[in-house]
N, C-alpha and C. Protein backbone atom coordinates (compact mmCIF):
# COMPACT_ATOMS: atom_id res chain seq x y z
N MET A 1 15.13 9.02 -89.72
CA MET A 1 15.89 9.54 -88.65
C MET A 1 15.49 8.90 -87.33
N VAL A 2 16.61 8.37 -87.25
CA VAL A 2 16.84 7.59 -85.80
C VAL A 2 17.13 8.93 -84.55
N ARG A 3 16.21 8.98 -83.53
CA ARG A 3 17.01 10.33 -82.48
C ARG A 3 16.61 9.21 -81.49
N GLY A 4 17.89 10.07 -80.28
CA GLY A 4 17.48 9.27 -79.12
C GLY A 4 18.16 10.77 -77.88
N GLU A 5 17.56 11.16 -76.56
CA GLU A 5 17.63 11.83 -76.01
C GLU A 5 18.85 13.29 -76.26
N ASP A 6 18.77 13.24 -77.34
CA ASP A 6 19.37 14.68 -78.20
C ASP A 6 20.85 14.64 -78.07
N ARG A 7 21.41 13.77 -77.56
CA ARG A 7 22.88 13.16 -77.54
C ARG A 7 23.38 12.70 -78.98
N LEU A 8 22.58 12.17 -79.68
CA LEU A 8 22.40 11.20 -80.98
C LEU A 8 21.55 11.35 -82.01
N TRP A 9 21.38 11.37 -83.24
CA TRP A 9 20.36 11.43 -83.94
C TRP A 9 21.07 11.03 -85.38
N CYS A 10 20.45 10.45 -85.83
CA CYS A 10 21.15 9.75 -87.18
C CYS A 10 19.91 10.00 -88.28
N THR A 11 20.82 10.51 -89.67
CA THR A 11 19.87 10.32 -90.77
C THR A 11 20.63 9.54 -91.79
N ARG A 12 19.78 9.07 -92.71
CA ARG A 12 20.41 7.84 -93.79
C ARG A 12 19.68 8.45 -95.01
N LEU A 13 20.99 8.41 -96.01
CA LEU A 13 20.27 8.68 -97.72
C LEU A 13 21.43 7.45 -98.50
N ARG A 14 21.32 7.65 -99.93
CA ARG A 14 21.97 6.65 -100.76
C ARG A 14 22.33 7.29 -101.65
N GLU A 15 23.58 6.97 -101.93
CA GLU A 15 24.61 7.15 -102.61
C GLU A 15 24.63 6.03 -103.95
N GLY A 16 24.15 6.35 -105.28
CA GLY A 16 24.23 5.06 -106.09
C GLY A 16 23.99 3.76 -105.33
N ARG A 17 25.10 2.72 -104.72
CA ARG A 17 24.48 1.44 -104.50
C ARG A 17 25.20 1.54 -102.68
N SER A 18 25.30 2.33 -102.21
CA SER A 18 25.25 2.94 -100.79
C SER A 18 24.22 3.28 -100.22
N VAL A 19 24.15 2.96 -98.76
CA VAL A 19 23.38 3.82 -98.18
C VAL A 19 24.27 4.12 -96.85
N VAL A 20 23.90 5.78 -96.97
CA VAL A 20 25.22 6.19 -96.18
C VAL A 20 24.26 7.01 -94.49
N LEU A 21 24.87 6.19 -93.67
CA LEU A 21 24.41 6.99 -91.98
C LEU A 21 24.93 7.90 -91.83
N LEU A 22 24.32 9.02 -91.37
CA LEU A 22 25.59 10.17 -90.92
C LEU A 22 24.96 10.51 -89.37
N PRO A 23 25.91 10.09 -88.68
CA PRO A 23 25.40 10.19 -87.15
C PRO A 23 25.91 11.55 -86.30
N HIS A 24 25.04 11.97 -86.03
CA HIS A 24 25.18 13.22 -85.50
C HIS A 24 25.34 13.41 -83.63
N GLY A 25 26.44 13.65 -83.24
CA GLY A 25 26.31 13.75 -81.62
C GLY A 25 27.50 13.04 -81.11
N ASP A 26 27.25 12.47 -80.14
CA ASP A 26 28.00 11.39 -79.68
C ASP A 26 27.69 9.83 -79.13
N LEU A 27 29.07 8.98 -79.37
CA LEU A 27 28.45 7.40 -79.82
C LEU A 27 29.70 7.24 -78.63
N GLU A 28 28.61 6.21 -77.35
CA GLU A 28 28.82 6.67 -76.26
C GLU A 28 27.49 4.91 -75.59
N LEU A 29 27.82 5.32 -74.26
CA LEU A 29 27.33 3.94 -73.71
C LEU A 29 25.35 4.54 -73.40
N GLY A 30 25.20 5.92 -73.50
CA GLY A 30 24.00 6.25 -73.50
C GLY A 30 23.15 6.25 -74.76
N THR A 31 23.96 6.57 -75.81
CA THR A 31 23.52 6.51 -77.16
C THR A 31 23.69 5.17 -78.01
N GLU A 32 24.10 4.17 -77.56
CA GLU A 32 24.32 2.81 -77.72
C GLU A 32 23.02 2.48 -78.93
N PRO A 33 22.04 2.28 -77.96
CA PRO A 33 20.48 1.49 -78.61
C PRO A 33 20.14 2.49 -80.06
N VAL A 34 20.14 3.75 -80.25
CA VAL A 34 20.21 4.71 -81.01
C VAL A 34 20.76 4.22 -82.46
N LEU A 35 22.17 4.20 -82.05
CA LEU A 35 23.57 4.43 -83.24
C LEU A 35 22.98 2.61 -83.48
N ARG A 36 22.89 1.42 -82.98
CA ARG A 36 22.62 0.14 -83.13
C ARG A 36 21.37 0.59 -84.10
N ALA A 37 20.17 0.83 -83.59
CA ALA A 37 19.03 0.99 -84.60
C ALA A 37 19.00 1.32 -85.73
N ALA A 38 20.05 2.49 -86.01
CA ALA A 38 20.25 3.18 -87.13
C ALA A 38 21.26 2.33 -87.95
N LEU A 39 22.03 1.41 -87.52
CA LEU A 39 22.87 1.11 -88.44
C LEU A 39 22.29 -0.18 -88.89
N ASP A 40 21.21 -0.78 -87.75
CA ASP A 40 20.75 -2.07 -88.25
C ASP A 40 19.37 -1.50 -89.29
N ALA A 41 18.37 -0.69 -89.70
CA ALA A 41 17.77 -0.17 -90.08
C ALA A 41 18.75 0.03 -91.76
N ALA A 42 19.86 1.00 -91.34
CA ALA A 42 20.55 1.37 -92.78
C ALA A 42 21.09 -0.41 -93.60
N LEU A 43 21.49 -1.19 -92.54
CA LEU A 43 22.03 -2.55 -93.03
C LEU A 43 21.08 -3.40 -93.60
N ALA A 44 19.51 -3.12 -92.97
CA ALA A 44 18.07 -3.79 -93.79
C ALA A 44 18.03 -3.07 -95.00
N GLU A 45 18.24 -2.22 -95.61
CA GLU A 45 18.59 -1.57 -96.91
C GLU A 45 19.25 -1.95 -97.81
N CYS A 46 20.30 -3.00 -97.43
CA CYS A 46 21.25 -3.27 -97.88
C CYS A 46 21.27 -4.58 -99.07
N GLY A 47 21.38 -4.79 -100.14
CA GLY A 47 21.94 -6.00 -100.35
C GLY A 47 22.78 -6.83 -100.83
N PRO A 48 23.28 -7.66 -101.25
CA PRO A 48 24.99 -8.20 -101.32
C PRO A 48 25.53 -7.19 -102.38
N GLY A 49 26.72 -6.63 -102.29
CA GLY A 49 27.29 -6.03 -103.29
C GLY A 49 27.20 -4.72 -102.59
N ASP A 50 26.02 -4.24 -102.32
CA ASP A 50 25.49 -2.73 -101.65
C ASP A 50 26.88 -2.60 -100.59
N GLY A 51 26.82 -0.98 -100.41
CA GLY A 51 27.58 -0.50 -99.50
C GLY A 51 27.04 -0.34 -98.10
N LEU A 52 27.52 -0.19 -96.94
CA LEU A 52 27.02 1.07 -96.04
C LEU A 52 28.43 1.72 -95.52
N VAL A 53 28.15 3.12 -95.48
CA VAL A 53 28.70 3.83 -95.81
C VAL A 53 28.85 5.09 -94.19
N VAL A 54 29.42 4.79 -92.85
CA VAL A 54 29.13 5.34 -91.46
C VAL A 54 30.27 6.76 -91.86
N ASP A 55 29.09 7.82 -91.90
CA ASP A 55 30.23 9.31 -92.28
C ASP A 55 30.07 9.94 -91.03
N LEU A 56 31.28 10.34 -90.33
CA LEU A 56 31.29 10.54 -88.96
C LEU A 56 31.58 11.84 -88.50
N SER A 57 31.18 12.62 -90.04
CA SER A 57 31.98 13.92 -89.62
C SER A 57 30.93 14.88 -88.84
N GLY A 58 29.61 14.49 -87.65
CA GLY A 58 29.15 14.98 -87.03
C GLY A 58 29.15 14.58 -86.20
N VAL A 59 30.17 13.22 -85.88
CA VAL A 59 30.71 13.19 -84.50
C VAL A 59 31.21 13.70 -83.73
N ASP A 60 30.97 14.01 -82.42
CA ASP A 60 31.44 15.16 -81.43
C ASP A 60 32.63 13.77 -80.46
N PHE A 61 31.67 12.89 -80.18
CA PHE A 61 32.69 12.28 -79.46
C PHE A 61 32.91 10.76 -79.56
N CYS A 62 33.37 9.73 -79.38
CA CYS A 62 33.66 8.53 -79.72
C CYS A 62 34.06 7.29 -78.79
N ALA A 63 33.46 6.59 -77.57
CA ALA A 63 34.02 5.95 -76.74
C ALA A 63 33.99 4.53 -76.94
N ALA A 64 34.19 3.93 -76.28
CA ALA A 64 34.14 2.28 -76.78
C ALA A 64 33.50 1.14 -76.78
N ARG A 65 32.28 2.27 -76.16
CA ARG A 65 30.85 1.30 -76.73
C ARG A 65 30.44 1.79 -78.09
N GLY A 66 30.61 3.36 -78.69
CA GLY A 66 30.14 2.96 -79.88
C GLY A 66 31.05 2.63 -80.96
N LEU A 67 32.14 2.56 -80.81
CA LEU A 67 33.13 1.67 -81.42
C LEU A 67 33.06 0.21 -81.56
N SER A 68 32.47 -0.02 -80.57
CA SER A 68 31.69 -1.39 -80.59
C SER A 68 30.62 -1.76 -81.69
N VAL A 69 29.93 -0.60 -81.44
CA VAL A 69 28.38 -0.88 -81.76
C VAL A 69 29.07 -0.61 -83.60
N LEU A 70 29.88 -0.27 -83.92
CA LEU A 70 31.01 0.41 -85.20
C LEU A 70 31.05 -1.48 -85.42
N ILE A 71 32.10 -1.98 -84.85
CA ILE A 71 32.39 -3.40 -85.26
C ILE A 71 31.72 -4.63 -85.24
N GLY A 72 30.19 -4.37 -84.55
CA GLY A 72 29.43 -5.19 -84.32
C GLY A 72 28.74 -5.23 -86.11
N SER A 73 28.18 -4.02 -86.48
CA SER A 73 28.04 -3.57 -87.51
C SER A 73 28.33 -3.97 -88.82
N ALA A 74 29.84 -3.61 -89.01
CA ALA A 74 31.08 -4.12 -89.68
C ALA A 74 30.79 -5.97 -90.01
N ASP A 75 30.64 -6.52 -89.31
CA ASP A 75 30.83 -7.85 -89.08
C ASP A 75 29.70 -8.44 -89.75
N ALA A 76 28.29 -7.86 -89.28
CA ALA A 76 26.85 -8.20 -89.96
C ALA A 76 27.19 -7.89 -91.18
N CYS A 77 27.71 -6.82 -91.74
CA CYS A 77 27.95 -6.29 -93.32
C CYS A 77 28.46 -7.65 -93.96
N THR A 78 29.62 -8.07 -93.40
CA THR A 78 30.67 -8.91 -93.94
C THR A 78 29.67 -10.24 -94.40
N ARG A 79 29.11 -11.05 -92.83
CA ARG A 79 28.25 -11.82 -93.01
C ARG A 79 27.32 -11.75 -94.63
N ARG A 80 26.77 -10.49 -94.69
CA ARG A 80 25.72 -10.14 -95.71
C ARG A 80 26.15 -9.65 -97.24
N ARG A 81 27.54 -9.83 -97.27
CA ARG A 81 28.21 -9.25 -98.20
C ARG A 81 27.99 -8.04 -98.49
N VAL A 82 28.32 -7.20 -97.76
CA VAL A 82 27.45 -5.68 -97.95
C VAL A 82 29.08 -4.66 -97.53
N ARG A 83 29.93 -3.94 -98.29
CA ARG A 83 30.67 -3.39 -97.82
C ARG A 83 30.26 -2.77 -96.50
N PHE A 84 31.34 -2.27 -95.81
CA PHE A 84 31.14 -1.26 -94.94
C PHE A 84 32.33 -0.48 -94.73
N SER A 85 32.43 0.83 -94.55
CA SER A 85 33.19 1.58 -94.30
C SER A 85 32.62 2.78 -93.96
N LEU A 86 34.10 3.64 -93.12
CA LEU A 86 33.68 4.87 -92.25
C LEU A 86 34.63 6.03 -93.07
N ARG A 87 33.83 6.93 -92.85
CA ARG A 87 34.63 8.10 -93.73
C ARG A 87 34.27 9.59 -92.69
N GLY A 88 34.81 10.47 -93.09
CA GLY A 88 34.74 11.73 -92.30
C GLY A 88 35.04 11.40 -91.01
N CYS A 89 35.77 10.89 -90.75
CA CYS A 89 36.01 10.46 -89.16
C CYS A 89 36.96 11.90 -88.15
N PRO A 90 36.37 12.10 -87.23
CA PRO A 90 37.28 13.04 -86.49
C PRO A 90 38.79 12.48 -86.21
N ALA A 91 39.39 13.54 -85.64
CA ALA A 91 41.06 13.37 -85.43
C ALA A 91 40.52 12.04 -84.01
N GLN A 92 39.78 12.27 -83.43
CA GLN A 92 39.58 11.42 -82.15
C GLN A 92 39.60 10.06 -82.50
N VAL A 93 38.89 9.72 -83.27
CA VAL A 93 38.51 8.43 -84.19
C VAL A 93 39.41 7.78 -84.60
N GLU A 94 40.36 8.60 -85.84
CA GLU A 94 41.39 8.14 -85.97
C GLU A 94 42.10 7.63 -85.29
N ARG A 95 42.56 8.54 -83.93
CA ARG A 95 43.54 7.79 -83.27
C ARG A 95 43.27 6.60 -82.94
N LEU A 96 42.16 6.68 -82.13
CA LEU A 96 41.08 5.10 -81.71
C LEU A 96 41.68 4.11 -82.92
N LEU A 97 40.99 4.30 -84.07
CA LEU A 97 41.23 3.27 -84.92
C LEU A 97 43.00 3.11 -84.99
N ASP A 98 43.76 3.60 -85.39
CA ASP A 98 45.18 3.57 -85.78
C ASP A 98 45.63 2.55 -84.32
N LEU A 99 45.21 2.97 -83.08
CA LEU A 99 45.64 2.84 -81.43
C LEU A 99 45.53 1.13 -81.51
N LEU A 100 44.35 0.97 -81.97
CA LEU A 100 43.68 -0.60 -81.88
C LEU A 100 43.75 -1.16 -83.35
N GLY A 101 44.50 -0.71 -84.05
CA GLY A 101 44.82 -1.42 -85.58
C GLY A 101 43.83 -1.57 -86.35
N LEU A 102 42.12 -0.82 -86.18
CA LEU A 102 40.81 -1.15 -87.02
C LEU A 102 40.98 -0.25 -87.90
N ARG A 103 41.52 -0.16 -88.47
CA ARG A 103 41.64 1.18 -89.72
C ARG A 103 41.08 -0.06 -90.87
N ASP A 104 42.00 -0.94 -91.07
CA ASP A 104 41.35 -1.55 -91.93
C ASP A 104 40.04 -2.39 -92.02
N ARG A 105 39.60 -3.10 -90.76
CA ARG A 105 38.81 -3.59 -90.17
C ARG A 105 37.47 -3.14 -90.65
N LEU A 106 37.42 -1.68 -90.30
CA LEU A 106 36.44 -0.98 -90.38
C LEU A 106 36.18 -0.26 -91.80
N GLY A 107 37.48 -0.58 -92.46
CA GLY A 107 37.28 0.06 -94.12
C GLY A 107 37.58 1.79 -94.00
N ALA A 108 38.26 1.95 -93.15
CA ALA A 108 38.54 3.45 -92.97
C ALA A 108 39.85 3.70 -93.57
N ARG A 109 40.37 3.38 -94.44
CA ARG A 109 41.72 3.39 -95.10
C ARG A 109 41.72 4.85 -95.54
N ASP A 110 41.09 5.25 -96.24
CA ASP A 110 40.49 7.32 -96.67
C ASP A 110 40.03 7.71 -95.81
N ALA A 111 39.84 7.36 -94.31
CA ALA A 111 38.90 8.25 -93.09
C ALA A 111 40.05 9.50 -93.14
N GLY A 112 41.17 9.47 -93.32
CA GLY A 112 41.94 10.71 -93.48
C GLY A 112 43.04 9.97 -93.55
N PRO A 113 44.28 11.59 -93.00
CA PRO A 113 45.81 11.06 -92.88
C PRO A 113 46.10 10.00 -91.65
N ARG A 114 47.21 9.27 -91.71
CA ARG A 114 47.58 8.68 -90.70
C ARG A 114 48.16 9.30 -90.24
N PRO A 115 48.62 9.53 -88.71
CA PRO A 115 49.85 10.15 -88.09
C PRO A 115 50.98 10.02 -88.76
N VAL A 116 51.78 10.89 -88.64
CA VAL A 116 53.32 10.70 -89.11
C VAL A 116 54.08 10.04 -87.69
N GLU A 117 54.93 8.75 -87.87
CA GLU A 117 55.43 8.15 -86.85
C GLU A 117 56.80 8.73 -87.00
N ARG A 118 57.20 9.14 -85.46
CA ARG A 118 58.80 9.41 -84.92
C ARG A 118 59.25 8.92 -84.46
């Protein structure tokens, strides 16, 4: 478990050939180092063909810095031939992904329903 300032802590577990990272709290400027360290440690457990799944169901808030760390991790996974995906995205994160066009890049196709266009 990686913990920082009690605003974010992360646990990880294995599900078959995937490492699942479960952050709990806020993904923001002050917790960026904790999230980055947890993602790096999770990626270190993965080999080519494995998956790194970030389950955001325990995230209360995601700022631009948190999203930037997730993008950086997704890029690192691509370089190492590890599948990166998000699941359990709160509505606020889903809106960010859709507004910025990042749903596919972050493997969040099944993160939740897309908003209905009017």
